[in-house]
Amino acid sequence: MTTALGLPDPYRDAAFYEDTAIKRALAWVVDVVLITALSVALTPLTLFTSIFYFPLFYLCVGFAYRSASIAKWSGTPGMRLMSVELRDVNGERFDIVNAALHTAGYTAAVVFFPLQLMSGALMIGTARKQGLVDLVLGSAAINRAALA
């Protein structure tokens, strides 16, 4: 079931990676909507000063949202909705360190948009459907349904 790295083999166990790129894109849309709603809901707690630095505020809320949810469930609520979960190089669920590193890499890719485009292309073109951050960390997104 797994390779020496601990992740499922993309050729013998292709079901683990089937449609994960599309599911991650849909999960991203769900998460953007939730992070936007959360950022707007938290704005009054800043006495509305976050209106003046909303993009930075949004990035901070998004970082906390993604790091906390990935550390707890090994995926964001959007990923859970799409039945996708992140696994580390050993095939284990993410811990807080991996979650923070993955989120930091994602945030850097959002800030430097060409990295995001490169990540999307890699998700389409690699056997394990790994994005740029996944390749650096050795992680991958897999289908939860294939685990059953």
C-alpha atoms as a PDB file:
ATOM      1  CA  MET A   1       0.000   0.000   0.000  1.00  0.00           C
ATOM      2  CA  THR A   2       2.760   2.498   0.786  1.00  0.00           C
ATOM      3  CA  THR A   3       6.165   3.248  -0.632  1.00  0.00           C
ATOM      4  CA  ALA A   4       9.385   3.511   1.336  1.00  0.00           C
ATOM      5  CA  LEU A   5       8.399   7.120   2.039  1.00  0.00           C
ATOM      6  CA  GLY A   6       5.139   6.069   3.638  1.00  0.00           C
ATOM      7  CA  LEU A   7       2.777   7.602   1.088  1.00  0.00           C
ATOM      8  CA  PRO A   8       0.613   5.349  -1.097  1.00  0.00           C
ATOM      9  CA  ASP A   9       2.198   4.367  -4.399  1.00  0.00           C
ATOM     10  CA  PRO A  10       0.589   6.511  -7.120  1.00  0.00           C
ATOM     11  CA  TYR A  11       0.607   3.655  -9.631  1.00  0.00           C
ATOM     12  CA  ARG A  12      -0.463   0.663  -7.515  1.00  0.00           C
ATOM     13  CA  ASP A  13      -2.832   2.689  -5.328  1.00  0.00           C
ATOM     14  CA  ALA A  14      -4.061   5.305  -7.812  1.00  0.00           C
ATOM     15  CA  ALA A  15      -7.429   5.626  -6.026  1.00  0.00           C
ATOM     16  CA  PHE A  16      -5.715   7.583  -3.246  1.00  0.00           C
ATOM     17  CA  TYR A  17      -4.852  10.383  -5.687  1.00  0.00           C
ATOM     18  CA  GLU A  18      -7.800  10.237  -8.088  1.00  0.00           C
ATOM     19  CA  ASP A  19      -9.372  13.684  -8.645  1.00  0.00           C
ATOM     20  CA  THR A  20      -7.479  15.245  -5.716  1.00  0.00           C
ATOM     21  CA  ALA A  21      -6.410  18.262  -7.801  1.00  0.00           C
ATOM     22  CA  ILE A  22     -10.034  19.105  -8.628  1.00  0.00           C
ATOM     23  CA  LYS A  23     -11.158  18.422  -5.069  1.00  0.00           C
ATOM     24  CA  ARG A  24      -8.410  20.684  -3.704  1.00  0.00           C
ATOM     25  CA  ALA A  25      -9.519  23.480  -6.046  1.00  0.00           C
ATOM     26  CA  LEU A  26     -13.131  23.145  -4.879  1.00  0.00           C
ATOM     27  CA  ALA A  27     -11.974  22.949  -1.259  1.00  0.00           C
ATOM     28  CA  TRP A  28      -9.994  26.153  -1.800  1.00  0.00           C
ATOM     29  CA  VAL A  29     -13.194  27.945  -2.928  1.00  0.00           C
ATOM     30  CA  VAL A  30     -15.052  26.740   0.182  1.00  0.00           C
ATOM     31  CA  ASP A  31     -12.172  27.830   2.423  1.00  0.00           C
ATOM     32  CA  VAL A  32     -11.907  31.270   0.792  1.00  0.00           C
ATOM     33  CA  VAL A  33     -15.619  31.839   1.444  1.00  0.00           C
ATOM     34  CA  LEU A  34     -15.269  30.707   5.076  1.00  0.00           C
ATOM     35  CA  ILE A  35     -12.114  32.772   5.693  1.00  0.00           C
ATOM     36  CA  THR A  36     -13.751  35.839   4.143  1.00  0.00           C
ATOM     37  CA  ALA A  37     -16.836  35.410   6.340  1.00  0.00           C
ATOM     38  CA  LEU A  38     -14.652  34.897   9.407  1.00  0.00           C
ATOM     39  CA  SER A  39     -12.534  37.951   8.590  1.00  0.00           C
ATOM     40  CA  VAL A  40     -15.628  40.115   8.143  1.00  0.00           C
ATOM     41  CA  ALA A  41     -17.146  38.741  11.369  1.00  0.00           C
ATOM     42  CA  LEU A  42     -13.937  39.517  13.293  1.00  0.00           C
ATOM     43  CA  THR A  43     -13.633  43.055  11.926  1.00  0.00           C
ATOM     44  CA  PRO A  44     -15.830  44.616  14.670  1.00  0.00           C
ATOM     45  CA  LEU A  45     -13.506  43.106  17.296  1.00  0.00           C
ATOM     46  CA  THR A  46     -10.717  45.285  15.889  1.00  0.00           C
ATOM     47  CA  LEU A  47     -12.981  48.321  16.346  1.00  0.00           C
ATOM     48  CA  PHE A  48     -13.171  48.325  12.550  1.00  0.00           C
ATOM     49  CA  THR A  49      -9.509  49.293  12.208  1.00  0.00           C
ATOM     50  CA  SER A  50      -8.875  46.134  10.179  1.00  0.00           C
ATOM     51  CA  ILE A  51     -10.714  47.830   7.319  1.00  0.00           C
ATOM     52  CA  PHE A  52      -7.534  49.850   6.760  1.00  0.00           C
ATOM     53  CA  TYR A  53      -5.304  46.778   6.542  1.00  0.00           C
ATOM     54  CA  PHE A  54      -7.850  44.172   5.496  1.00  0.00           C
ATOM     55  CA  PRO A  55      -5.597  42.206   3.102  1.00  0.00           C
ATOM     56  CA  LEU A  56      -3.039  41.652   5.880  1.00  0.00           C
ATOM     57  CA  PHE A  57      -5.821  40.902   8.377  1.00  0.00           C
ATOM     58  CA  TYR A  58      -7.306  38.399   5.909  1.00  0.00           C
ATOM     59  CA  LEU A  59      -3.914  36.679   5.498  1.00  0.00           C
ATOM     60  CA  CYS A  60      -3.524  36.404   9.283  1.00  0.00           C
ATOM     61  CA  VAL A  61      -7.038  35.025   9.770  1.00  0.00           C
ATOM     62  CA  GLY A  62      -6.438  32.607   6.891  1.00  0.00           C
ATOM     63  CA  PHE A  63      -3.127  31.476   8.370  1.00  0.00           C
ATOM     64  CA  ALA A  64      -4.752  30.768  11.740  1.00  0.00           C
ATOM     65  CA  TYR A  65      -7.763  29.048  10.106  1.00  0.00           C
ATOM     66  CA  ARG A  66      -5.644  26.809   7.887  1.00  0.00           C
ATOM     67  CA  SER A  67      -2.971  25.982  10.477  1.00  0.00           C
ATOM     68  CA  ALA A  68      -5.483  25.122  13.205  1.00  0.00           C
ATOM     69  CA  SER A  69      -7.768  23.045  11.001  1.00  0.00           C
ATOM     70  CA  ILE A  70      -4.928  21.182   9.268  1.00  0.00           C
ATOM     71  CA  ALA A  71      -3.308  20.430  12.641  1.00  0.00           C
ATOM     72  CA  LYS A  72      -6.591  19.121  14.049  1.00  0.00           C
ATOM     73  CA  TRP A  73      -8.059  17.253  11.059  1.00  0.00           C
ATOM     74  CA  SER A  74      -5.125  17.040   8.609  1.00  0.00           C
ATOM     75  CA  GLY A  75      -7.185  19.189   6.266  1.00  0.00           C
ATOM     76  CA  THR A  76      -9.238  22.358   6.137  1.00  0.00           C
ATOM     77  CA  PRO A  77     -13.049  22.274   6.398  1.00  0.00           C
ATOM     78  CA  GLY A  78     -13.147  22.592   2.606  1.00  0.00           C
ATOM     79  CA  MET A  79     -10.843  19.592   2.250  1.00  0.00           C
ATOM     80  CA  ARG A  80     -12.962  17.607   4.699  1.00  0.00           C
ATOM     81  CA  LEU A  81     -16.067  18.485   2.685  1.00  0.00           C
ATOM     82  CA  MET A  82     -14.327  17.160  -0.440  1.00  0.00           C
ATOM     83  CA  SER A  83     -13.040  14.027   1.397  1.00  0.00           C
ATOM     84  CA  VAL A  84      -9.380  14.964   1.007  1.00  0.00           C
ATOM     85  CA  GLU A  85      -6.762  14.912   3.730  1.00  0.00           C
ATOM     86  CA  LEU A  86      -3.085  15.798   3.865  1.00  0.00           C
ATOM     87  CA  ARG A  87      -0.470  13.209   4.792  1.00  0.00           C
ATOM     88  CA  ASP A  88       3.180  13.818   5.615  1.00  0.00           C
ATOM     89  CA  VAL A  89       6.232  12.099   4.165  1.00  0.00           C
ATOM     90  CA  ASN A  90       5.669   9.111   6.501  1.00  0.00           C
ATOM     91  CA  GLY A  91       2.011   8.752   5.506  1.00  0.00           C
ATOM     92  CA  GLU A  92       0.877  10.153   8.867  1.00  0.00           C
ATOM     93  CA  ARG A  93      -1.673  12.882   9.531  1.00  0.00           C
ATOM     94  CA  PHE A  94      -0.246  16.389   9.894  1.00  0.00           C
ATOM     95  CA  ASP A  95       0.837  17.710  13.280  1.00  0.00           C
ATOM     96  CA  ILE A  96       0.982  21.392  14.247  1.00  0.00           C
ATOM     97  CA  VAL A  97       4.514  21.854  12.869  1.00  0.00           C
ATOM     98  CA  ASN A  98       3.688  20.365   9.464  1.00  0.00           C
ATOM     99  CA  ALA A  99       0.408  22.282   9.408  1.00  0.00           C
ATOM    100  CA  ALA A 100       2.181  25.588  10.102  1.00  0.00           C
ATOM    101  CA  LEU A 101       4.910  24.858   7.531  1.00  0.00           C
ATOM    102  CA  HIS A 102       2.363  23.854   4.892  1.00  0.00           C
ATOM    103  CA  THR A 103       0.283  26.955   5.603  1.00  0.00           C
ATOM    104  CA  ALA A 104       3.363  29.209   5.514  1.00  0.00           C
ATOM    105  CA  GLY A 105       4.282  27.778   2.123  1.00  0.00           C
ATOM    106  CA  TYR A 106       0.729  28.251   0.870  1.00  0.00           C
ATOM    107  CA  THR A 107       0.692  31.839   2.163  1.00  0.00           C
ATOM    108  CA  ALA A 108       3.988  32.562   0.390  1.00  0.00           C
ATOM    109  CA  ALA A 109       2.494  31.155  -2.818  1.00  0.00           C
ATOM    110  CA  VAL A 110      -0.531  33.437  -2.423  1.00  0.00           C
ATOM    111  CA  VAL A 111       1.686  36.487  -1.910  1.00  0.00           C
ATOM    112  CA  PHE A 112       3.979  35.565  -4.830  1.00  0.00           C
ATOM    113  CA  PHE A 113       1.306  34.491  -7.319  1.00  0.00           C
ATOM    114  CA  PRO A 114       3.593  32.781  -9.882  1.00  0.00           C
ATOM    115  CA  LEU A 115       4.339  30.193  -7.172  1.00  0.00           C
ATOM    116  CA  GLN A 116       0.600  29.495  -6.945  1.00  0.00           C
ATOM    117  CA  LEU A 117       0.422  28.937 -10.703  1.00  0.00           C
ATOM    118  CA  MET A 118       3.431  26.624 -10.522  1.00  0.00           C
ATOM    119  CA  SER A 119       1.803  24.729  -7.659  1.00  0.00           C
ATOM    120  CA  GLY A 120      -1.409  24.253  -9.640  1.00  0.00           C
ATOM    121  CA  ALA A 121       0.529  22.972 -12.646  1.00  0.00           C
ATOM    122  CA  LEU A 122       2.403  20.516 -10.430  1.00  0.00           C
ATOM    123  CA  MET A 123      -0.879  19.229  -8.946  1.00  0.00           C
ATOM    124  CA  ILE A 124      -2.037  18.425 -12.451  1.00  0.00           C
ATOM    125  CA  GLY A 125       1.269  17.007 -13.674  1.00  0.00           C
ATOM    126  CA  THR A 126       2.780  14.942 -10.851  1.00  0.00           C
ATOM    127  CA  ALA A 127       1.906  11.328 -10.097  1.00  0.00           C
ATOM    128  CA  ARG A 128       0.914  12.075  -6.495  1.00  0.00           C
ATOM    129  CA  LYS A 129      -0.867  15.317  -7.499  1.00  0.00           C
ATOM    130  CA  GLN A 130       1.476  17.276  -5.209  1.00  0.00           C
ATOM    131  CA  GLY A 131       1.681  21.050  -5.219  1.00  0.00           C
ATOM    132  CA  LEU A 132       4.899  23.003  -4.743  1.00  0.00           C
ATOM    133  CA  VAL A 133       4.637  23.036  -0.940  1.00  0.00           C
ATOM    134  CA  ASP A 134       3.802  19.317  -0.939  1.00  0.00           C
ATOM    135  CA  LEU A 135       6.932  18.559  -2.962  1.00  0.00           C
ATOM    136  CA  VAL A 136       9.106  20.591  -0.583  1.00  0.00           C
ATOM    137  CA  LEU A 137       7.616  18.931   2.528  1.00  0.00           C
ATOM    138  CA  GLY A 138       7.239  15.487   0.951  1.00  0.00           C
ATOM    139  CA  SER A 139       3.518  15.530   1.729  1.00  0.00           C
ATOM    140  CA  ALA A 140       0.493  14.721  -0.426  1.00  0.00           C
ATOM    141  CA  ALA A 141      -3.268  15.118  -0.405  1.00  0.00           C
ATOM    142  CA  ILE A 142      -5.116  11.811  -0.574  1.00  0.00           C
ATOM    143  CA  ASN A 143      -8.739  10.739  -0.806  1.00  0.00           C
ATOM    144  CA  ARG A 144     -10.195   9.796   2.567  1.00  0.00           C
ATOM    145  CA  ALA A 145     -12.603   7.377   0.870  1.00  0.00           C
ATOM    146  CA  ALA A 146      -9.643   5.329  -0.381  1.00  0.00           C
ATOM    147  CA  LEU A 147      -8.566   4.786   3.240  1.00  0.00           C
ATOM    148  CA  ALA A 148     -11.687   2.746   4.031  1.00  0.00           C
END
